[in-house]
Amino acid sequence: MATERVTETEDGVVRERVVERGGGTTVIERRGGGMGTALLAIAVIAVVALAGYFLVNQNRRENAETAAIGQVADSASGAAKSVGNAADAAADAVRKD
């Protein structure tokens, strides 16, 4: 009968099982490797950071656009007041004559 020796080790990241048979055959099975999980976590964090960056920039652009529209409206209001004052002055001048 052939002898068989099994050695199993686990370090929290990789699980290794070594089977040695008397006939000189050695089988090594390795499972795990936490680098895939770490890389996936880094990729998810990067995607979330980029999405946040774009959302913040979009909000800034909208605020700048709103401010510009407000300035244009104030300018138009001032121009309308000037035209109104000029019309009042012209009407007063016509009435005096």
C-alpha atoms as a PDB file:
ATOM      1  CA  MET A   1       0.000   0.000   0.000  1.00  0.00           C
ATOM      2  CA  ALA A   2       1.296   3.415  -0.920  1.00  0.00           C
ATOM      3  CA  THR A   3       1.852   6.000   1.768  1.00  0.00           C
ATOM      4  CA  GLU A   4       0.278   9.363   1.437  1.00  0.00           C
ATOM      5  CA  ARG A   5       1.126  12.514   3.344  1.00  0.00           C
ATOM      6  CA  VAL A   6      -1.183  15.545   3.247  1.00  0.00           C
ATOM      7  CA  THR A   7      -0.043  18.970   4.432  1.00  0.00           C
ATOM      8  CA  GLU A   8      -2.477  21.882   4.558  1.00  0.00           C
ATOM      9  CA  THR A   9      -1.503  25.465   5.334  1.00  0.00           C
ATOM     10  CA  GLU A  10      -3.511  28.661   5.345  1.00  0.00           C
ATOM     11  CA  ASP A  11      -2.223  32.170   5.984  1.00  0.00           C
ATOM     12  CA  GLY A  12      -5.523  34.046   5.687  1.00  0.00           C
ATOM     13  CA  VAL A  13      -4.916  34.867   2.048  1.00  0.00           C
ATOM     14  CA  VAL A  14      -3.832  31.618   0.371  1.00  0.00           C
ATOM     15  CA  ARG A  15      -4.856  28.088   1.209  1.00  0.00           C
ATOM     16  CA  GLU A  16      -2.359  25.464   0.125  1.00  0.00           C
ATOM     17  CA  ARG A  17      -2.786  21.693   0.181  1.00  0.00           C
ATOM     18  CA  VAL A  18       0.185  19.420  -0.611  1.00  0.00           C
ATOM     19  CA  VAL A  19      -0.364  15.694  -1.171  1.00  0.00           C
ATOM     20  CA  GLU A  20       2.759  13.515  -1.342  1.00  0.00           C
ATOM     21  CA  ARG A  21       2.402   9.923  -2.441  1.00  0.00           C
ATOM     22  CA  GLY A  22       4.971   7.168  -1.886  1.00  0.00           C
ATOM     23  CA  GLY A  23       5.516   6.723  -5.637  1.00  0.00           C
ATOM     24  CA  GLY A  24       7.163  10.157  -5.966  1.00  0.00           C
ATOM     25  CA  THR A  25       4.006  12.012  -7.033  1.00  0.00           C
ATOM     26  CA  THR A  26       3.377  15.406  -5.434  1.00  0.00           C
ATOM     27  CA  VAL A  27       0.146  17.347  -5.977  1.00  0.00           C
ATOM     28  CA  ILE A  28      -0.006  21.014  -4.913  1.00  0.00           C
ATOM     29  CA  GLU A  29      -3.336  22.864  -4.836  1.00  0.00           C
ATOM     30  CA  ARG A  30      -3.398  26.582  -4.151  1.00  0.00           C
ATOM     31  CA  ARG A  31      -6.518  28.628  -3.644  1.00  0.00           C
ATOM     32  CA  GLY A  32      -7.030  32.247  -2.799  1.00  0.00           C
ATOM     33  CA  GLY A  33      -4.818  35.207  -3.303  1.00  0.00           C
ATOM     34  CA  GLY A  34      -6.342  38.408  -1.948  1.00  0.00           C
ATOM     35  CA  MET A  35      -4.802  40.699  -4.565  1.00  0.00           C
ATOM     36  CA  GLY A  36      -7.862  40.389  -6.796  1.00  0.00           C
ATOM     37  CA  THR A  37     -10.122  41.611  -4.018  1.00  0.00           C
ATOM     38  CA  ALA A  38      -7.764  44.479  -3.171  1.00  0.00           C
ATOM     39  CA  LEU A  39      -7.576  45.573  -6.810  1.00  0.00           C
ATOM     40  CA  LEU A  40     -11.351  45.423  -7.117  1.00  0.00           C
ATOM     41  CA  ALA A  41     -11.735  47.574  -3.994  1.00  0.00           C
ATOM     42  CA  ILE A  42      -9.276  50.145  -5.376  1.00  0.00           C
ATOM     43  CA  ALA A  43     -11.143  50.222  -8.700  1.00  0.00           C
ATOM     44  CA  VAL A  44     -14.492  50.773  -6.953  1.00  0.00           C
ATOM     45  CA  ILE A  45     -13.042  53.600  -4.863  1.00  0.00           C
ATOM     46  CA  ALA A  46     -11.598  55.222  -7.995  1.00  0.00           C
ATOM     47  CA  VAL A  47     -14.943  55.054  -9.815  1.00  0.00           C
ATOM     48  CA  VAL A  48     -16.777  56.571  -6.840  1.00  0.00           C
ATOM     49  CA  ALA A  49     -14.186  59.364  -6.583  1.00  0.00           C
ATOM     50  CA  LEU A  50     -14.475  60.173 -10.297  1.00  0.00           C
ATOM     51  CA  ALA A  51     -18.265  60.220 -10.140  1.00  0.00           C
ATOM     52  CA  GLY A  52     -18.125  62.582  -7.165  1.00  0.00           C
ATOM     53  CA  TYR A  53     -15.656  64.848  -8.971  1.00  0.00           C
ATOM     54  CA  PHE A  54     -17.900  65.126 -12.020  1.00  0.00           C
ATOM     55  CA  LEU A  55     -20.996  65.780  -9.914  1.00  0.00           C
ATOM     56  CA  VAL A  56     -19.249  68.569  -7.994  1.00  0.00           C
ATOM     57  CA  ASN A  57     -18.026  70.167 -11.234  1.00  0.00           C
ATOM     58  CA  GLN A  58     -21.508  69.967 -12.751  1.00  0.00           C
ATOM     59  CA  ASN A  59     -22.913  71.741  -9.683  1.00  0.00           C
ATOM     60  CA  ARG A  60     -20.268  74.471  -9.977  1.00  0.00           C
ATOM     61  CA  ARG A  61     -21.086  75.008 -13.661  1.00  0.00           C
ATOM     62  CA  GLU A  62     -24.790  75.275 -12.872  1.00  0.00           C
ATOM     63  CA  ASN A  63     -24.093  77.818 -10.118  1.00  0.00           C
ATOM     64  CA  ALA A  64     -21.910  79.884 -12.453  1.00  0.00           C
ATOM     65  CA  GLU A  65     -24.611  79.769 -15.131  1.00  0.00           C
ATOM     66  CA  THR A  66     -27.266  80.870 -12.649  1.00  0.00           C
ATOM     67  CA  ALA A  67     -25.081  83.764 -11.494  1.00  0.00           C
ATOM     68  CA  ALA A  68     -24.454  84.851 -15.094  1.00  0.00           C
ATOM     69  CA  ILE A  69     -28.174  84.783 -15.871  1.00  0.00           C
ATOM     70  CA  GLY A  70     -28.833  86.839 -12.749  1.00  0.00           C
ATOM     71  CA  GLN A  71     -26.277  89.442 -13.837  1.00  0.00           C
ATOM     72  CA  VAL A  72     -27.840  89.671 -17.285  1.00  0.00           C
ATOM     73  CA  ALA A  73     -31.276  90.120 -15.721  1.00  0.00           C
ATOM     74  CA  ASP A  74     -29.959  92.892 -13.451  1.00  0.00           C
ATOM     75  CA  SER A  75     -28.331  94.569 -16.427  1.00  0.00           C
ATOM     76  CA  ALA A  76     -31.560  94.386 -18.447  1.00  0.00           C
ATOM     77  CA  SER A  77     -33.488  95.773 -15.478  1.00  0.00           C
ATOM     78  CA  GLY A  78     -31.067  98.687 -15.236  1.00  0.00           C
ATOM     79  CA  ALA A  79     -31.375  99.356 -18.949  1.00  0.00           C
ATOM     80  CA  ALA A  80     -35.172  99.312 -18.721  1.00  0.00           C
ATOM     81  CA  LYS A  81     -35.058 101.810 -15.861  1.00  0.00           C
ATOM     82  CA  SER A  82     -32.780 104.079 -17.904  1.00  0.00           C
ATOM     83  CA  VAL A  83     -35.149 103.933 -20.868  1.00  0.00           C
ATOM     84  CA  GLY A  84     -38.083 104.649 -18.573  1.00  0.00           C
ATOM     85  CA  ASN A  85     -36.317 107.640 -17.039  1.00  0.00           C
ATOM     86  CA  ALA A  86     -35.425 108.958 -20.492  1.00  0.00           C
ATOM     87  CA  ALA A  87     -39.041 108.575 -21.604  1.00  0.00           C
ATOM     88  CA  ASP A  88     -40.235 110.445 -18.488  1.00  0.00           C
ATOM     89  CA  ALA A  89     -37.735 113.218 -19.147  1.00  0.00           C
ATOM     90  CA  ALA A  90     -38.825 113.476 -22.784  1.00  0.00           C
ATOM     91  CA  ALA A  91     -42.476 113.578 -21.764  1.00  0.00           C
ATOM     92  CA  ASP A  92     -41.755 116.301 -19.225  1.00  0.00           C
ATOM     93  CA  ALA A  93     -39.869 118.276 -21.878  1.00  0.00           C
ATOM     94  CA  VAL A  94     -42.813 117.979 -24.312  1.00  0.00           C
ATOM     95  CA  ARG A  95     -45.313 119.085 -21.665  1.00  0.00           C
ATOM     96  CA  LYS A  96     -43.290 122.204 -20.804  1.00  0.00           C
ATOM     97  CA  ASP A  97     -43.219 123.367 -24.416  1.00  0.00           C
END
